[in-house]
C-alpha cells in the first residue's frame, strides 16, 4: 500500500525539521509544565502494511526545561501476526478440503498498552519543538477468532480443531500481557493553552515466539499548562 509505506519516511521528515534547530541557541521558553492530549492515528507492521486504528491519551510533565516525563495509554485495533493470519487461511482451506463443507476464519488481536518514559525537546527558541524519547510498559493482547457459520471460536476450540498457533498467545488462552518498549520521535507545538503533537512510535513486545513489533503514526490535540 503506497500511502501506508510512505509513512516510513516520517522519522526522516521529523529529523529534517529538527536539524536546522541544532545550531540555534537554547530555548528561551521551557516545555509546558503539564500537557494532556487525545491521540489518533494508524498502526502498521514492520513492513508498513496491515494498517489498523490506533487511539490513545497521553499525560506529560516537565522535569527539566527541555525534558518531559510522559505516560500514555493506547488501543490498537489489530496486531495479529502474519503467521497467525496465514494459519487462519490454511485452517479454512484444510477443513474445507477434508470435510467438503466451506470453512472461513477471520481474526484479530486487539491491543491495549501502557507505557511511561521521557522525551528530550530540541533546545530552540520556538513554540514548535522537535523531540525524541523512549519508554517502557506493558502490552495486553486479546485474540478474537470467528468462523463464518459458527461465530466465535477463540481459545480451546480453534486450537483443538486446527492445531495452529503463532506463539504470541498460548493455545488455550485468548489473551496475554507482555513487556513493551518504545522509541518515539515527533514535533510538538504550543499555541496559548492548545497543545499539538505529531509523532512516530516504534514499539516492540517481548517474550513471544513470533515477532511482535509495530509502528504507530499519530496526531494529538490537547491542552497545556505553562
Protein backbone atom coordinates (compact mmCIF):
# COMPACT_ATOMS: atom_id res chain seq x y z
CA UNK A 1 0.00 0.00 0.00
CA UNK A 2 1.82 3.08 -1.29
CA UNK A 3 0.24 5.58 1.10
CA UNK A 4 0.97 3.49 4.16
CA UNK A 5 4.53 2.70 3.09
CA UNK A 6 5.17 6.41 2.63
CA UNK A 7 4.64 6.80 6.38
CA UNK A 8 8.04 5.14 6.82
CA UNK A 9 9.55 8.46 5.72
CA UNK A 10 8.07 10.31 8.70
CA UNK A 11 11.10 9.88 11.02
CA UNK A 12 13.30 11.29 8.25
CA UNK A 13 10.96 14.25 7.78
CA UNK A 14 10.91 14.93 11.51
CA UNK A 15 14.70 14.79 11.63
CA UNK A 16 14.89 17.22 8.74
CA UNK A 17 12.67 19.60 10.68
CA UNK A 18 14.87 19.25 13.76
CA UNK A 19 18.24 19.55 12.02
CA UNK A 20 18.25 23.34 11.45
CA UNK A 21 17.36 23.81 15.11
CA UNK A 22 20.51 22.13 16.35
CA UNK A 23 22.59 25.18 15.56
CA UNK A 24 20.33 27.61 17.38
CA UNK A 25 20.58 28.86 20.93
CA UNK A 26 19.00 27.24 23.95
CA UNK A 27 15.23 27.69 24.17
CA UNK A 28 14.10 30.83 25.97
CA UNK A 29 10.72 29.18 26.62
CA UNK A 30 10.65 25.92 28.57
CA UNK A 31 8.41 22.98 27.74
CA UNK A 32 4.87 23.19 29.16
CA UNK A 33 4.61 22.38 32.85
CA UNK A 34 1.90 19.81 32.07
CA UNK A 35 0.04 18.63 28.99
CA UNK A 36 -2.81 16.24 28.25
CA UNK A 37 -3.68 15.05 24.74
CA UNK A 38 -6.10 12.83 22.89
CA UNK A 39 -4.34 10.97 20.10
CA UNK A 40 -5.48 9.28 16.90
CA UNK A 41 -3.65 7.60 14.06
CA UNK A 42 -2.68 4.33 12.44
CA UNK A 43 -0.61 1.31 13.45
CA UNK A 44 1.24 -0.79 10.86
CA UNK A 45 3.51 -3.82 10.91
CA UNK A 46 7.27 -3.70 10.30
CA UNK A 47 6.66 -3.78 6.53
CA UNK A 48 4.36 -0.75 6.89
CA UNK A 49 1.37 -2.86 5.93
CA UNK A 50 -1.80 -4.05 7.70
CA UNK A 51 -3.00 -0.60 8.86
CA UNK A 52 -5.15 -0.62 11.99
CA UNK A 53 -6.82 2.07 14.07
CA UNK A 54 -4.70 3.47 16.91
CA UNK A 55 -6.04 5.82 19.61
CA UNK A 56 -4.52 6.96 22.89
CA UNK A 57 -4.44 9.50 25.69
CA UNK A 58 -1.16 10.91 26.99
CA UNK A 59 -0.16 12.94 30.01
CA UNK A 60 3.17 14.73 30.32
CA UNK A 61 5.03 16.73 32.93
CA UNK A 62 8.09 18.94 32.61
CA UNK A 63 11.03 17.65 34.67
CA UNK A 64 13.60 19.99 33.12
CA UNK A 65 13.42 22.95 30.74
CA UNK A 66 13.85 20.61 27.77
CA UNK A 67 12.78 17.24 29.25
CA UNK A 68 9.30 15.82 29.74
CA UNK A 69 8.17 12.67 31.52
CA UNK A 70 5.12 11.06 29.91
CA UNK A 71 2.59 8.29 30.43
CA UNK A 72 0.41 7.01 27.59
CA UNK A 73 -2.49 4.55 27.41
CA UNK A 74 -3.28 3.32 23.90
CA UNK A 75 -5.53 0.99 21.96
CA UNK A 76 -4.74 -0.69 18.62
CA UNK A 77 -7.48 -2.41 16.64
CA UNK A 78 -5.48 -5.36 15.32
CA UNK A 79 -1.92 -6.59 15.95
CA UNK A 80 -2.33 -10.17 14.73
CA UNK A 81 0.91 -11.59 13.33
CA UNK A 82 1.35 -12.55 9.68
CA UNK A 83 1.90 -16.15 10.78
CA UNK A 84 -1.44 -16.28 12.58
CA UNK A 85 -3.22 -14.66 9.64
CA UNK A 86 -1.76 -17.38 7.41
CA UNK A 87 -2.83 -20.02 9.95
CA UNK A 88 -6.43 -18.87 9.68
CA UNK A 89 -6.37 -19.12 5.88
CA UNK A 90 -4.68 -22.55 5.96
CA UNK A 91 -7.09 -23.85 8.61
CA UNK A 92 -10.07 -22.88 6.48
CA UNK A 93 -8.61 -24.47 3.35
CA UNK A 94 -7.64 -27.69 5.15
CA UNK A 95 -11.00 -28.15 6.85
CA UNK A 96 -12.86 -27.35 3.65
CA UNK A 97 -10.89 -29.97 1.76
CA UNK A 98 -11.26 -32.65 4.43
CA UNK A 99 -14.95 -32.12 5.19
CA UNK A 100 -16.34 -30.92 1.89
CA UNK A 101 -18.02 -28.08 3.80
CA UNK A 102 -16.80 -24.47 3.35
CA UNK A 103 -14.85 -23.10 6.34
CA UNK A 104 -13.69 -19.48 6.64
CA UNK A 105 -11.88 -17.99 9.62
CA UNK A 106 -11.22 -14.36 10.50
CA UNK A 107 -9.41 -12.96 13.50
CA UNK A 108 -7.77 -10.04 15.22
CA UNK A 109 -5.56 -9.36 18.23
CA UNK A 110 -6.80 -6.22 19.95
CA UNK A 111 -4.03 -4.42 21.82
CA UNK A 112 -4.14 -2.28 24.97
CA UNK A 113 -0.85 -0.76 26.07
CA UNK A 114 0.51 1.37 28.87
CA UNK A 115 3.94 2.97 28.63
CA UNK A 116 5.88 5.61 30.54
CA UNK A 117 9.14 7.30 29.66
CA UNK A 118 10.86 10.54 28.80
CA UNK A 119 11.20 12.98 25.89
CA UNK A 120 14.01 15.38 25.11
CA UNK A 121 12.88 18.52 23.27
CA UNK A 122 15.35 20.21 20.95
CA UNK A 123 16.65 23.35 22.71
CA UNK A 124 15.31 26.01 20.32
CA UNK A 125 13.51 29.26 20.99
CA UNK A 126 10.29 28.30 19.24
CA UNK A 127 6.75 27.20 20.02
CA UNK A 128 7.31 24.27 17.62
CA UNK A 129 9.87 21.86 19.02
CA UNK A 130 11.07 18.50 17.62
CA UNK A 131 11.77 15.80 20.20
CA UNK A 132 12.84 12.21 20.68
CA UNK A 133 12.34 9.80 23.56
CA UNK A 134 11.79 6.27 24.80
CA UNK A 135 9.65 4.38 27.27
CA UNK A 136 8.78 1.02 28.83
CA UNK A 137 5.45 -0.56 29.67
CA UNK A 138 3.11 -3.48 29.14
CA UNK A 139 1.02 -4.67 26.19
CA UNK A 140 -2.13 -6.75 26.56
CA UNK A 141 -3.45 -8.66 23.55
CA UNK A 142 -6.93 -10.16 23.33
CA UNK A 143 -7.47 -12.63 20.49
CA UNK A 144 -10.81 -12.99 18.70
CA UNK A 145 -11.30 -15.69 16.05
CA UNK A 146 -14.59 -16.24 14.26
CA UNK A 147 -15.78 -18.76 11.70
CA UNK A 148 -18.26 -17.72 9.02
CA UNK A 149 -21.05 -20.07 10.20
CA UNK A 150 -20.04 -20.93 13.78
CA UNK A 151 -19.22 -17.43 15.02
CA UNK A 152 -16.76 -17.07 17.91
CA UNK A 153 -14.27 -19.98 18.02
CA UNK A 154 -11.38 -18.48 20.01
CA UNK A 155 -9.30 -20.42 22.53
CA UNK A 156 -9.53 -24.17 23.02
CA UNK A 157 -11.94 -24.83 20.18
CA UNK A 158 -9.86 -23.22 17.45
CA UNK A 159 -6.58 -24.78 18.55
CA UNK A 160 -8.15 -28.15 19.21
CA UNK A 161 -9.76 -28.10 15.80
CA UNK A 162 -6.77 -26.93 13.75
CA UNK A 163 -3.63 -27.38 15.89
CA UNK A 164 -2.38 -23.99 14.65
CA UNK A 165 -0.90 -21.13 16.70
CA UNK A 166 1.80 -18.45 16.41
CA UNK A 167 3.36 -18.47 19.89
CA UNK A 168 2.19 -14.95 20.74
CA UNK A 169 -0.79 -16.15 22.80
CA UNK A 170 -0.85 -19.59 24.39
CA UNK A 171 -3.05 -22.12 22.51
CA UNK A 172 -5.51 -22.49 25.39
CA UNK A 173 -5.70 -18.76 26.15
CA UNK A 174 -7.41 -15.82 24.47
CA UNK A 175 -5.30 -13.02 25.99
CA UNK A 176 -1.77 -12.33 27.18
CA UNK A 177 0.23 -9.46 28.67
CA UNK A 178 3.83 -8.88 27.57
CA UNK A 179 6.57 -6.31 28.37
CA UNK A 180 6.75 -3.44 25.90
CA UNK A 181 9.46 -0.98 24.86
CA UNK A 182 9.12 2.01 22.55
CA UNK A 183 11.07 4.78 20.90
CA UNK A 184 9.36 7.96 19.75
CA UNK A 185 10.25 10.93 17.56
CA UNK A 186 7.95 13.82 16.89
CA UNK A 187 7.16 17.50 16.83
CA UNK A 188 5.09 19.29 19.47
CA UNK A 189 3.65 22.79 19.38
CA UNK A 190 2.02 25.09 21.91
CA UNK A 191 -0.37 27.89 20.96
CA UNK A 192 -1.81 29.56 24.03
CA UNK A 193 -3.25 26.66 26.03
CA UNK A 194 -3.62 24.42 22.97
CA UNK A 195 -1.11 21.58 22.57
CA UNK A 196 -0.45 19.76 19.27
CA UNK A 197 1.71 16.73 18.60
CA UNK A 198 2.73 14.68 15.55
CA UNK A 199 4.69 11.54 16.36
CA UNK A 200 6.13 8.28 15.09
CA UNK A 201 6.43 5.42 17.58
CA UNK A 202 8.25 2.13 17.11
CA UNK A 203 7.03 -0.41 19.66
CA UNK A 204 8.20 -3.93 20.45
CA UNK A 205 6.67 -6.59 22.68
CA UNK A 206 8.90 -9.22 24.30
CA UNK A 207 8.72 -12.89 25.30
CA UNK A 208 6.82 -14.08 22.21
CA UNK A 209 7.81 -16.80 19.74
CA UNK A 210 6.65 -14.76 16.77
CA UNK A 211 8.00 -11.21 16.49
CA UNK A 212 5.67 -8.60 17.98
CA UNK A 213 6.88 -5.28 16.56
CA UNK A 214 4.82 -2.46 15.07
CA UNK A 215 4.84 1.25 14.31
CA UNK A 216 2.36 3.99 15.04
CA UNK A 217 1.93 7.33 13.29
CA UNK A 218 -0.28 9.64 15.30
CA UNK A 219 -1.62 13.18 15.67
CA UNK A 220 -2.57 14.56 19.06
CA UNK A 221 -4.57 17.58 20.23
CA UNK A 222 -4.89 18.64 23.81
CA UNK A 223 -4.31 21.27 26.46
CA UNK A 224 -1.10 22.59 28.03
CA UNK A 225 -0.36 24.36 31.29
CA UNK A 226 2.63 26.74 31.15
